[in-house]
N, C-alpha and C. Protein backbone atom coordinates (compact mmCIF):
# COMPACT_ATOMS: atom_id res chain seq x y z
N MET A 1 -35.80 -127.71 -29.86
CA MET A 1 -35.10 -128.99 -29.89
C MET A 1 -35.19 -129.56 -31.30
N ALA A 2 -34.10 -130.10 -31.78
CA ALA A 2 -34.05 -130.67 -33.11
C ALA A 2 -34.87 -131.95 -33.16
N LYS A 3 -35.47 -132.18 -34.29
CA LYS A 3 -36.25 -133.39 -34.47
C LYS A 3 -35.30 -134.58 -34.53
N PRO A 4 -35.58 -135.67 -33.78
CA PRO A 4 -34.68 -136.82 -33.79
C PRO A 4 -34.63 -137.48 -35.17
N PHE A 5 -33.48 -138.07 -35.46
CA PHE A 5 -33.28 -138.78 -36.72
C PHE A 5 -34.16 -140.02 -36.74
N THR A 6 -34.92 -140.18 -37.79
CA THR A 6 -35.76 -141.37 -37.91
C THR A 6 -35.49 -142.04 -39.24
N ARG A 7 -35.67 -143.31 -39.26
CA ARG A 7 -35.56 -144.10 -40.47
C ARG A 7 -36.77 -145.01 -40.52
N LYS A 8 -37.64 -144.76 -41.46
CA LYS A 8 -38.85 -145.56 -41.66
C LYS A 8 -39.67 -145.66 -40.37
N GLY A 9 -39.82 -144.52 -39.70
CA GLY A 9 -40.66 -144.50 -38.51
C GLY A 9 -39.97 -144.91 -37.23
N SER A 10 -38.70 -145.34 -37.30
CA SER A 10 -38.01 -145.72 -36.08
C SER A 10 -37.23 -144.53 -35.53
N VAL A 11 -37.04 -144.51 -34.23
CA VAL A 11 -36.33 -143.44 -33.56
C VAL A 11 -35.17 -144.07 -32.79
N GLN A 12 -34.02 -143.39 -32.80
CA GLN A 12 -32.86 -143.92 -32.07
C GLN A 12 -33.16 -143.95 -30.59
N ILE A 13 -32.73 -145.01 -29.93
CA ILE A 13 -33.01 -145.17 -28.51
C ILE A 13 -32.32 -144.10 -27.68
N ALA A 14 -31.17 -143.60 -28.13
CA ALA A 14 -30.47 -142.53 -27.41
C ALA A 14 -31.31 -141.27 -27.37
N GLU A 15 -32.02 -140.98 -28.45
CA GLU A 15 -32.88 -139.80 -28.48
C GLU A 15 -34.04 -139.95 -27.50
N ILE A 16 -34.61 -141.14 -27.43
CA ILE A 16 -35.71 -141.39 -26.51
C ILE A 16 -35.20 -141.27 -25.07
N ALA A 17 -34.05 -141.90 -24.79
CA ALA A 17 -33.50 -141.87 -23.44
C ALA A 17 -33.15 -140.45 -23.02
N ASN A 18 -32.52 -139.69 -23.92
CA ASN A 18 -32.18 -138.31 -23.59
C ASN A 18 -33.43 -137.48 -23.34
N GLY A 19 -34.46 -137.72 -24.11
CA GLY A 19 -35.71 -137.00 -23.91
C GLY A 19 -36.34 -137.30 -22.55
N LEU A 20 -36.14 -138.52 -22.05
CA LEU A 20 -36.67 -138.89 -20.74
C LEU A 20 -35.78 -138.43 -19.60
N ILE A 21 -34.47 -138.51 -19.80
CA ILE A 21 -33.52 -138.23 -18.72
C ILE A 21 -33.24 -136.74 -18.56
N ASP A 22 -33.18 -135.99 -19.67
CA ASP A 22 -32.83 -134.57 -19.59
C ASP A 22 -33.72 -133.76 -18.65
N PRO A 23 -35.04 -133.90 -18.70
CA PRO A 23 -35.86 -133.10 -17.76
C PRO A 23 -35.60 -133.45 -16.29
N ILE A 24 -35.33 -134.72 -16.02
CA ILE A 24 -35.05 -135.13 -14.64
C ILE A 24 -33.71 -134.56 -14.19
N LEU A 25 -32.67 -134.68 -15.05
CA LEU A 25 -31.37 -134.12 -14.70
C LEU A 25 -31.45 -132.61 -14.55
N ALA A 26 -32.19 -131.96 -15.41
CA ALA A 26 -32.31 -130.50 -15.33
C ALA A 26 -32.99 -130.08 -14.03
N ARG A 27 -34.00 -130.82 -13.63
CA ARG A 27 -34.73 -130.47 -12.41
C ARG A 27 -33.90 -130.79 -11.17
N ARG A 28 -33.25 -131.94 -11.14
CA ARG A 28 -32.53 -132.35 -9.94
C ARG A 28 -31.12 -131.82 -9.86
N ALA A 29 -30.41 -131.75 -10.98
CA ALA A 29 -29.00 -131.38 -10.94
C ALA A 29 -28.67 -130.17 -11.79
N GLY A 30 -29.59 -129.69 -12.58
CA GLY A 30 -29.33 -128.52 -13.41
C GLY A 30 -28.43 -128.79 -14.59
N ILE A 31 -28.21 -130.06 -14.92
CA ILE A 31 -27.34 -130.40 -16.06
C ILE A 31 -28.12 -131.24 -17.05
N ASN A 32 -27.51 -131.48 -18.21
CA ASN A 32 -28.17 -132.33 -19.19
C ASN A 32 -27.22 -133.42 -19.65
N THR A 33 -27.75 -134.37 -20.40
CA THR A 33 -26.94 -135.51 -20.83
C THR A 33 -25.85 -135.09 -21.81
N LEU A 34 -26.06 -134.02 -22.54
CA LEU A 34 -25.04 -133.55 -23.47
C LEU A 34 -23.79 -133.10 -22.72
N LEU A 35 -23.96 -132.43 -21.59
CA LEU A 35 -22.81 -132.03 -20.76
C LEU A 35 -22.09 -133.26 -20.23
N LEU A 36 -22.85 -134.23 -19.75
CA LEU A 36 -22.24 -135.45 -19.24
C LEU A 36 -21.48 -136.20 -20.33
N ALA A 37 -22.08 -136.29 -21.52
CA ALA A 37 -21.45 -137.01 -22.62
C ALA A 37 -20.22 -136.29 -23.14
N SER A 38 -20.20 -134.97 -23.05
CA SER A 38 -19.08 -134.19 -23.57
C SER A 38 -18.04 -133.86 -22.51
N TRP A 39 -18.20 -134.37 -21.30
CA TRP A 39 -17.31 -134.00 -20.22
C TRP A 39 -15.84 -134.33 -20.51
N ASP A 40 -15.58 -135.46 -21.16
CA ASP A 40 -14.20 -135.83 -21.47
C ASP A 40 -13.52 -134.76 -22.32
N GLU A 41 -14.25 -134.22 -23.27
CA GLU A 41 -13.69 -133.17 -24.13
C GLU A 41 -13.56 -131.85 -23.37
N ILE A 42 -14.51 -131.55 -22.51
CA ILE A 42 -14.48 -130.30 -21.76
C ILE A 42 -13.35 -130.31 -20.74
N ALA A 43 -13.24 -131.38 -19.97
CA ALA A 43 -12.24 -131.44 -18.91
C ALA A 43 -10.84 -131.68 -19.45
N GLY A 44 -10.73 -132.25 -20.63
CA GLY A 44 -9.41 -132.56 -21.17
C GLY A 44 -8.93 -133.90 -20.66
N GLU A 45 -7.95 -134.47 -21.34
CA GLU A 45 -7.50 -135.81 -20.99
C GLU A 45 -6.85 -135.88 -19.62
N GLN A 46 -6.37 -134.75 -19.11
CA GLN A 46 -5.74 -134.72 -17.79
C GLN A 46 -6.74 -135.04 -16.68
N PHE A 47 -7.99 -134.62 -16.83
CA PHE A 47 -8.99 -134.79 -15.77
C PHE A 47 -10.18 -135.64 -16.18
N ALA A 48 -10.28 -136.02 -17.42
CA ALA A 48 -11.49 -136.69 -17.92
C ALA A 48 -11.83 -137.96 -17.16
N GLY A 49 -10.85 -138.80 -16.90
CA GLY A 49 -11.13 -140.07 -16.23
C GLY A 49 -11.25 -139.96 -14.73
N PHE A 50 -10.94 -138.79 -14.17
CA PHE A 50 -10.90 -138.65 -12.73
C PHE A 50 -11.90 -137.64 -12.19
N SER A 51 -12.76 -137.11 -13.05
CA SER A 51 -13.74 -136.12 -12.60
C SER A 51 -15.02 -136.27 -13.40
N ARG A 52 -16.10 -135.71 -12.85
CA ARG A 52 -17.37 -135.67 -13.57
C ARG A 52 -18.22 -134.55 -12.98
N PRO A 53 -19.08 -133.94 -13.79
CA PRO A 53 -19.96 -132.90 -13.25
C PRO A 53 -21.08 -133.55 -12.43
N GLU A 54 -21.35 -132.98 -11.29
CA GLU A 54 -22.40 -133.50 -10.42
C GLU A 54 -23.70 -132.72 -10.60
N LYS A 55 -23.60 -131.40 -10.46
CA LYS A 55 -24.80 -130.58 -10.60
C LYS A 55 -24.41 -129.13 -10.83
N ILE A 56 -25.37 -128.36 -11.31
CA ILE A 56 -25.21 -126.92 -11.46
C ILE A 56 -26.29 -126.28 -10.60
N ARG A 57 -25.87 -125.42 -9.70
CA ARG A 57 -26.84 -124.69 -8.87
C ARG A 57 -26.95 -123.28 -9.41
N TRP A 58 -28.14 -122.97 -9.91
CA TRP A 58 -28.39 -121.64 -10.47
C TRP A 58 -28.90 -120.75 -9.35
N PRO A 59 -28.44 -119.51 -9.28
CA PRO A 59 -28.94 -118.61 -8.23
C PRO A 59 -30.42 -118.30 -8.46
N ARG A 60 -31.09 -118.04 -7.37
CA ARG A 60 -32.51 -117.73 -7.45
C ARG A 60 -32.70 -116.35 -8.07
N GLN A 61 -33.62 -116.25 -9.00
CA GLN A 61 -33.90 -114.99 -9.69
C GLN A 61 -35.32 -114.55 -9.39
N ASP A 62 -35.45 -113.36 -8.80
CA ASP A 62 -36.78 -112.82 -8.52
C ASP A 62 -37.28 -111.96 -9.67
N GLY A 63 -36.37 -111.49 -10.50
CA GLY A 63 -36.75 -110.65 -11.62
C GLY A 63 -35.50 -110.02 -12.21
N PRO A 64 -35.65 -109.18 -13.21
CA PRO A 64 -34.48 -108.55 -13.81
C PRO A 64 -33.75 -107.67 -12.80
N ASP A 65 -32.41 -107.67 -12.89
CA ASP A 65 -31.63 -106.81 -12.00
C ASP A 65 -31.48 -105.42 -12.61
N GLU A 66 -30.67 -104.57 -11.95
CA GLU A 66 -30.55 -103.18 -12.39
C GLU A 66 -29.88 -103.05 -13.76
N THR A 67 -29.16 -104.07 -14.22
CA THR A 67 -28.52 -104.00 -15.54
C THR A 67 -29.48 -104.39 -16.64
N GLY A 68 -30.65 -104.87 -16.29
CA GLY A 68 -31.65 -105.21 -17.29
C GLY A 68 -31.73 -106.69 -17.58
N GLY A 69 -30.72 -107.47 -17.17
CA GLY A 69 -30.75 -108.91 -17.42
C GLY A 69 -31.26 -109.64 -16.21
N GLY A 70 -31.84 -110.78 -16.39
CA GLY A 70 -32.36 -111.55 -15.28
C GLY A 70 -31.57 -112.81 -15.02
N PHE A 71 -30.41 -112.98 -15.65
CA PHE A 71 -29.66 -114.22 -15.52
C PHE A 71 -28.37 -113.98 -14.75
N SER A 72 -28.05 -114.90 -13.84
CA SER A 72 -26.77 -114.90 -13.13
C SER A 72 -26.13 -116.25 -13.34
N PRO A 73 -24.81 -116.29 -13.55
CA PRO A 73 -24.14 -117.58 -13.75
C PRO A 73 -24.23 -118.45 -12.50
N GLY A 74 -24.12 -119.76 -12.70
CA GLY A 74 -24.30 -120.71 -11.62
C GLY A 74 -23.02 -121.25 -11.03
N LEU A 75 -23.18 -122.20 -10.13
CA LEU A 75 -22.09 -122.87 -9.44
C LEU A 75 -22.10 -124.32 -9.90
N LEU A 76 -21.00 -124.76 -10.52
CA LEU A 76 -20.87 -126.14 -11.00
C LEU A 76 -20.16 -126.95 -9.94
N THR A 77 -20.80 -128.04 -9.51
CA THR A 77 -20.17 -128.97 -8.57
C THR A 77 -19.55 -130.10 -9.38
N VAL A 78 -18.25 -130.32 -9.17
CA VAL A 78 -17.50 -131.34 -9.89
C VAL A 78 -16.97 -132.35 -8.89
N ALA A 79 -17.23 -133.62 -9.10
CA ALA A 79 -16.66 -134.67 -8.28
C ALA A 79 -15.31 -135.05 -8.87
N CYS A 80 -14.33 -135.21 -8.00
CA CYS A 80 -12.97 -135.50 -8.47
C CYS A 80 -12.34 -136.49 -7.50
N GLU A 81 -11.47 -137.34 -8.02
CA GLU A 81 -10.83 -138.35 -7.19
C GLU A 81 -9.60 -137.79 -6.48
N GLY A 82 -9.50 -138.11 -5.21
CA GLY A 82 -8.33 -137.91 -4.38
C GLY A 82 -7.48 -136.69 -4.65
N ALA A 83 -6.19 -136.91 -4.84
CA ALA A 83 -5.23 -135.83 -4.99
C ALA A 83 -5.42 -135.05 -6.28
N ARG A 84 -6.11 -135.60 -7.23
CA ARG A 84 -6.36 -134.87 -8.49
C ARG A 84 -7.20 -133.62 -8.25
N ALA A 85 -7.94 -133.60 -7.15
CA ALA A 85 -8.77 -132.44 -6.83
C ALA A 85 -7.91 -131.19 -6.67
N LEU A 86 -6.74 -131.34 -6.09
CA LEU A 86 -5.83 -130.20 -5.92
C LEU A 86 -5.39 -129.66 -7.27
N PHE A 87 -5.05 -130.55 -8.19
CA PHE A 87 -4.64 -130.12 -9.53
C PHE A 87 -5.80 -129.48 -10.28
N LEU A 88 -6.99 -130.03 -10.09
CA LEU A 88 -8.17 -129.46 -10.73
C LEU A 88 -8.46 -128.07 -10.17
N MET A 89 -8.22 -127.89 -8.88
CA MET A 89 -8.43 -126.59 -8.26
C MET A 89 -7.52 -125.53 -8.89
N HIS A 90 -6.29 -125.92 -9.22
CA HIS A 90 -5.37 -124.98 -9.86
C HIS A 90 -5.77 -124.66 -11.29
N GLN A 91 -6.53 -125.53 -11.92
CA GLN A 91 -6.99 -125.33 -13.30
C GLN A 91 -8.43 -124.83 -13.34
N GLU A 92 -8.94 -124.37 -12.23
CA GLU A 92 -10.35 -123.98 -12.12
C GLU A 92 -10.75 -122.92 -13.13
N ALA A 93 -9.95 -121.89 -13.30
CA ALA A 93 -10.30 -120.81 -14.24
C ALA A 93 -10.40 -121.34 -15.67
N GLU A 94 -9.47 -122.21 -16.04
CA GLU A 94 -9.51 -122.79 -17.39
C GLU A 94 -10.74 -123.67 -17.58
N LEU A 95 -11.08 -124.45 -16.55
CA LEU A 95 -12.25 -125.32 -16.64
C LEU A 95 -13.53 -124.49 -16.74
N ILE A 96 -13.62 -123.40 -16.00
CA ILE A 96 -14.79 -122.51 -16.10
C ILE A 96 -14.90 -121.98 -17.53
N ALA A 97 -13.78 -121.56 -18.10
CA ALA A 97 -13.80 -121.05 -19.48
C ALA A 97 -14.24 -122.13 -20.47
N ARG A 98 -13.78 -123.36 -20.26
CA ARG A 98 -14.16 -124.46 -21.16
C ARG A 98 -15.65 -124.78 -21.06
N VAL A 99 -16.17 -124.81 -19.83
CA VAL A 99 -17.60 -125.11 -19.65
C VAL A 99 -18.44 -123.99 -20.26
N ASN A 100 -18.04 -122.74 -20.03
CA ASN A 100 -18.78 -121.62 -20.60
C ASN A 100 -18.73 -121.62 -22.13
N SER A 101 -17.59 -122.02 -22.70
CA SER A 101 -17.52 -122.09 -24.16
C SER A 101 -18.38 -123.25 -24.67
N PHE A 102 -18.52 -124.31 -23.89
CA PHE A 102 -19.41 -125.41 -24.27
C PHE A 102 -20.85 -124.93 -24.33
N PHE A 103 -21.28 -124.17 -23.31
CA PHE A 103 -22.64 -123.66 -23.29
C PHE A 103 -22.85 -122.52 -24.28
N GLY A 104 -21.79 -121.78 -24.59
CA GLY A 104 -21.91 -120.67 -25.52
C GLY A 104 -22.24 -119.35 -24.85
N PHE A 105 -22.28 -119.32 -23.55
CA PHE A 105 -22.52 -118.08 -22.80
C PHE A 105 -21.93 -118.29 -21.41
N ARG A 106 -21.90 -117.23 -20.60
CA ARG A 106 -21.32 -117.31 -19.26
C ARG A 106 -22.31 -118.00 -18.33
N ALA A 107 -22.29 -119.32 -18.34
CA ALA A 107 -23.23 -120.10 -17.55
C ALA A 107 -22.71 -120.38 -16.15
N ILE A 108 -21.38 -120.48 -16.02
CA ILE A 108 -20.76 -120.87 -14.75
C ILE A 108 -19.83 -119.76 -14.28
N ALA A 109 -19.95 -119.38 -13.01
CA ALA A 109 -19.05 -118.39 -12.42
C ALA A 109 -18.08 -119.03 -11.44
N GLN A 110 -18.48 -120.14 -10.82
CA GLN A 110 -17.65 -120.80 -9.82
C GLN A 110 -17.72 -122.30 -10.00
N ILE A 111 -16.69 -122.97 -9.46
CA ILE A 111 -16.68 -124.43 -9.43
C ILE A 111 -16.45 -124.85 -7.99
N ARG A 112 -17.25 -125.78 -7.54
CA ARG A 112 -17.05 -126.40 -6.23
C ARG A 112 -16.58 -127.82 -6.48
N ILE A 113 -15.43 -128.17 -5.90
CA ILE A 113 -14.85 -129.49 -6.12
C ILE A 113 -15.12 -130.36 -4.91
N VAL A 114 -15.67 -131.54 -5.16
CA VAL A 114 -16.00 -132.50 -4.12
C VAL A 114 -15.16 -133.75 -4.38
N GLN A 115 -14.47 -134.22 -3.35
CA GLN A 115 -13.67 -135.43 -3.53
C GLN A 115 -14.55 -136.65 -3.38
N LYS A 116 -14.60 -137.46 -4.43
CA LYS A 116 -15.39 -138.69 -4.46
C LYS A 116 -14.68 -139.69 -5.36
N ALA A 117 -15.01 -140.94 -5.18
CA ALA A 117 -14.52 -141.96 -6.09
C ALA A 117 -15.34 -141.88 -7.37
N ILE A 118 -14.67 -141.87 -8.49
CA ILE A 118 -15.32 -141.79 -9.79
C ILE A 118 -15.24 -143.17 -10.44
N HIS A 119 -16.38 -143.71 -10.77
CA HIS A 119 -16.42 -145.01 -11.41
C HIS A 119 -16.58 -144.81 -12.91
N VAL A 120 -15.48 -144.93 -13.62
CA VAL A 120 -15.52 -144.80 -15.07
C VAL A 120 -15.70 -146.20 -15.64
N PRO A 121 -16.69 -146.40 -16.49
CA PRO A 121 -16.88 -147.72 -17.05
C PRO A 121 -15.64 -148.17 -17.81
N THR A 122 -15.22 -149.39 -17.55
CA THR A 122 -14.03 -149.91 -18.22
C THR A 122 -14.45 -150.69 -19.45
N ARG A 123 -13.59 -150.67 -20.42
CA ARG A 123 -13.88 -151.43 -21.64
C ARG A 123 -13.56 -152.89 -21.42
N LYS A 124 -14.32 -153.72 -22.09
CA LYS A 124 -14.07 -155.15 -22.00
C LYS A 124 -12.79 -155.45 -22.77
N PRO A 125 -12.03 -156.42 -22.30
CA PRO A 125 -10.82 -156.77 -23.04
C PRO A 125 -11.18 -157.33 -24.41
N ALA A 126 -10.31 -157.10 -25.36
CA ALA A 126 -10.56 -157.58 -26.72
C ALA A 126 -10.57 -159.11 -26.72
N ALA A 127 -11.46 -159.66 -27.52
CA ALA A 127 -11.56 -161.12 -27.61
C ALA A 127 -10.33 -161.67 -28.31
N ARG A 128 -9.83 -162.77 -27.78
CA ARG A 128 -8.65 -163.38 -28.42
C ARG A 128 -9.09 -164.15 -29.65
N PRO A 129 -8.23 -164.27 -30.63
CA PRO A 129 -8.60 -165.04 -31.83
C PRO A 129 -8.66 -166.54 -31.51
N LEU A 130 -9.56 -167.23 -32.19
CA LEU A 130 -9.71 -168.67 -31.99
C LEU A 130 -8.59 -169.40 -32.72
N ASP A 131 -8.10 -170.47 -32.09
CA ASP A 131 -7.10 -171.28 -32.80
C ASP A 131 -7.82 -172.29 -33.70
N ALA A 132 -7.06 -173.04 -34.46
CA ALA A 132 -7.65 -173.95 -35.45
C ALA A 132 -8.53 -175.02 -34.80
N GLY A 133 -8.12 -175.55 -33.66
CA GLY A 133 -8.90 -176.58 -32.98
C GLY A 133 -10.24 -176.04 -32.50
N GLU A 134 -10.25 -174.83 -31.97
CA GLU A 134 -11.50 -174.22 -31.51
C GLU A 134 -12.42 -173.93 -32.68
N LYS A 135 -11.85 -173.50 -33.80
CA LYS A 135 -12.67 -173.23 -34.99
C LYS A 135 -13.31 -174.50 -35.51
N ARG A 136 -12.54 -175.62 -35.53
CA ARG A 136 -13.10 -176.90 -35.99
C ARG A 136 -14.21 -177.36 -35.05
N ARG A 137 -13.98 -177.24 -33.74
CA ARG A 137 -14.98 -177.65 -32.76
C ARG A 137 -16.27 -176.85 -32.93
N LEU A 138 -16.14 -175.54 -33.13
CA LEU A 138 -17.30 -174.67 -33.31
C LEU A 138 -18.03 -175.01 -34.61
N ALA A 139 -17.28 -175.24 -35.69
CA ALA A 139 -17.90 -175.60 -36.97
C ALA A 139 -18.67 -176.91 -36.84
N GLY A 140 -18.15 -177.85 -36.07
CA GLY A 140 -18.85 -179.12 -35.84
C GLY A 140 -20.15 -178.93 -35.08
N MET A 141 -20.16 -177.96 -34.19
CA MET A 141 -21.37 -177.71 -33.39
C MET A 141 -22.50 -177.12 -34.22
N VAL A 142 -22.18 -176.27 -35.19
CA VAL A 142 -23.22 -175.57 -35.94
C VAL A 142 -23.49 -176.17 -37.32
N GLU A 143 -22.78 -177.24 -37.69
CA GLU A 143 -22.94 -177.79 -39.05
C GLU A 143 -24.31 -178.39 -39.30
N THR A 144 -25.02 -178.81 -38.25
CA THR A 144 -26.34 -179.43 -38.46
C THR A 144 -27.46 -178.41 -38.61
N VAL A 145 -27.17 -177.14 -38.39
CA VAL A 145 -28.19 -176.10 -38.54
C VAL A 145 -28.42 -175.86 -40.02
N GLU A 146 -29.67 -175.96 -40.47
CA GLU A 146 -29.98 -175.89 -41.90
C GLU A 146 -29.99 -174.46 -42.44
N ASP A 147 -30.53 -173.52 -41.71
CA ASP A 147 -30.63 -172.13 -42.17
C ASP A 147 -29.24 -171.48 -42.14
N PRO A 148 -28.74 -171.00 -43.30
CA PRO A 148 -27.38 -170.43 -43.33
C PRO A 148 -27.22 -169.17 -42.49
N LYS A 149 -28.26 -168.33 -42.44
CA LYS A 149 -28.15 -167.11 -41.63
C LYS A 149 -28.10 -167.45 -40.14
N LEU A 150 -28.92 -168.40 -39.73
CA LEU A 150 -28.92 -168.82 -38.34
C LEU A 150 -27.59 -169.49 -37.99
N ARG A 151 -27.08 -170.33 -38.89
CA ARG A 151 -25.80 -171.01 -38.67
C ARG A 151 -24.68 -169.98 -38.49
N GLU A 152 -24.69 -168.95 -39.35
CA GLU A 152 -23.66 -167.90 -39.26
C GLU A 152 -23.77 -167.11 -37.96
N ALA A 153 -25.01 -166.80 -37.56
CA ALA A 153 -25.22 -166.06 -36.31
C ALA A 153 -24.78 -166.90 -35.11
N LEU A 154 -25.11 -168.18 -35.12
CA LEU A 154 -24.68 -169.06 -34.02
C LEU A 154 -23.16 -169.21 -33.99
N ALA A 155 -22.55 -169.24 -35.16
CA ALA A 155 -21.08 -169.34 -35.21
C ALA A 155 -20.44 -168.08 -34.63
N ARG A 156 -21.00 -166.90 -34.95
CA ARG A 156 -20.47 -165.65 -34.38
C ARG A 156 -20.64 -165.63 -32.86
N LEU A 157 -21.82 -166.07 -32.40
CA LEU A 157 -22.08 -166.12 -30.97
C LEU A 157 -21.11 -167.09 -30.29
N GLY A 158 -20.94 -168.26 -30.86
CA GLY A 158 -20.03 -169.25 -30.29
C GLY A 158 -18.59 -168.75 -30.27
N ALA A 159 -18.18 -168.07 -31.33
CA ALA A 159 -16.81 -167.52 -31.37
C ALA A 159 -16.63 -166.48 -30.28
N GLY A 160 -17.64 -165.66 -30.05
CA GLY A 160 -17.56 -164.66 -28.99
C GLY A 160 -17.48 -165.30 -27.61
N VAL A 161 -18.26 -166.34 -27.38
CA VAL A 161 -18.26 -167.02 -26.09
C VAL A 161 -16.94 -167.74 -25.87
N ILE A 162 -16.48 -168.47 -26.86
CA ILE A 162 -15.23 -169.23 -26.72
C ILE A 162 -14.04 -168.29 -26.55
N SER A 163 -14.02 -167.18 -27.27
CA SER A 163 -12.87 -166.28 -27.21
C SER A 163 -12.78 -165.54 -25.87
N ARG A 164 -13.87 -165.45 -25.13
CA ARG A 164 -13.85 -164.80 -23.81
C ARG A 164 -13.27 -165.72 -22.73
N ARG A 165 -13.35 -167.01 -22.97
CA ARG A 165 -12.83 -167.98 -21.99
C ARG A 165 -11.31 -168.04 -22.10
N PRO A 166 -10.65 -168.32 -20.98
CA PRO A 166 -9.20 -168.51 -21.08
C PRO A 166 -8.90 -169.77 -21.89
N LYS A 167 -7.82 -169.75 -22.61
CA LYS A 167 -7.45 -170.88 -23.46
C LYS A 167 -7.10 -172.08 -22.59
N ARG A 168 -7.64 -173.24 -22.97
CA ARG A 168 -7.37 -174.48 -22.23
C ARG A 168 -5.99 -174.99 -22.57
N PRO A 169 -5.27 -175.46 -21.56
CA PRO A 169 -3.97 -176.09 -21.86
C PRO A 169 -4.20 -177.42 -22.55
N GLU A 170 -3.43 -177.72 -23.55
CA GLU A 170 -3.63 -178.94 -24.34
C GLU A 170 -2.78 -180.07 -23.85
């Protein structure tokens, strides 16, 4: 495993979280956070928002087989929404090839598709720009703050809060 990027002794929180989550995902589902994070690229834009990998079931290995290797490709379970599952089923061979190219070896031999609702996190709507009256009102609220950095931070916070609210009719 590559050493996490550090700056003056600090470690990125994503590296810490991945280090904690990856062993649990590997034990319970046979997948890692890198596969989950890269799923949009692997599945392509046609299926990215409507599917996600659930788990990989690796076959049980008692020892090397007659060919000398001890590894057999696994079964990837993919959750997919409604009617898109049928389309995904028709693209199964391509998806297997994409997943195997992601891993760099023949990791998956089959895909099992399960119909489930997929909850893709939605982006927050962009904040609307403040009009002149709102800017004046906000400037009046923070003008008594003496520290310029604190005043600027409070102004940014206030602009974010005000811009999320619907505009008041005048």
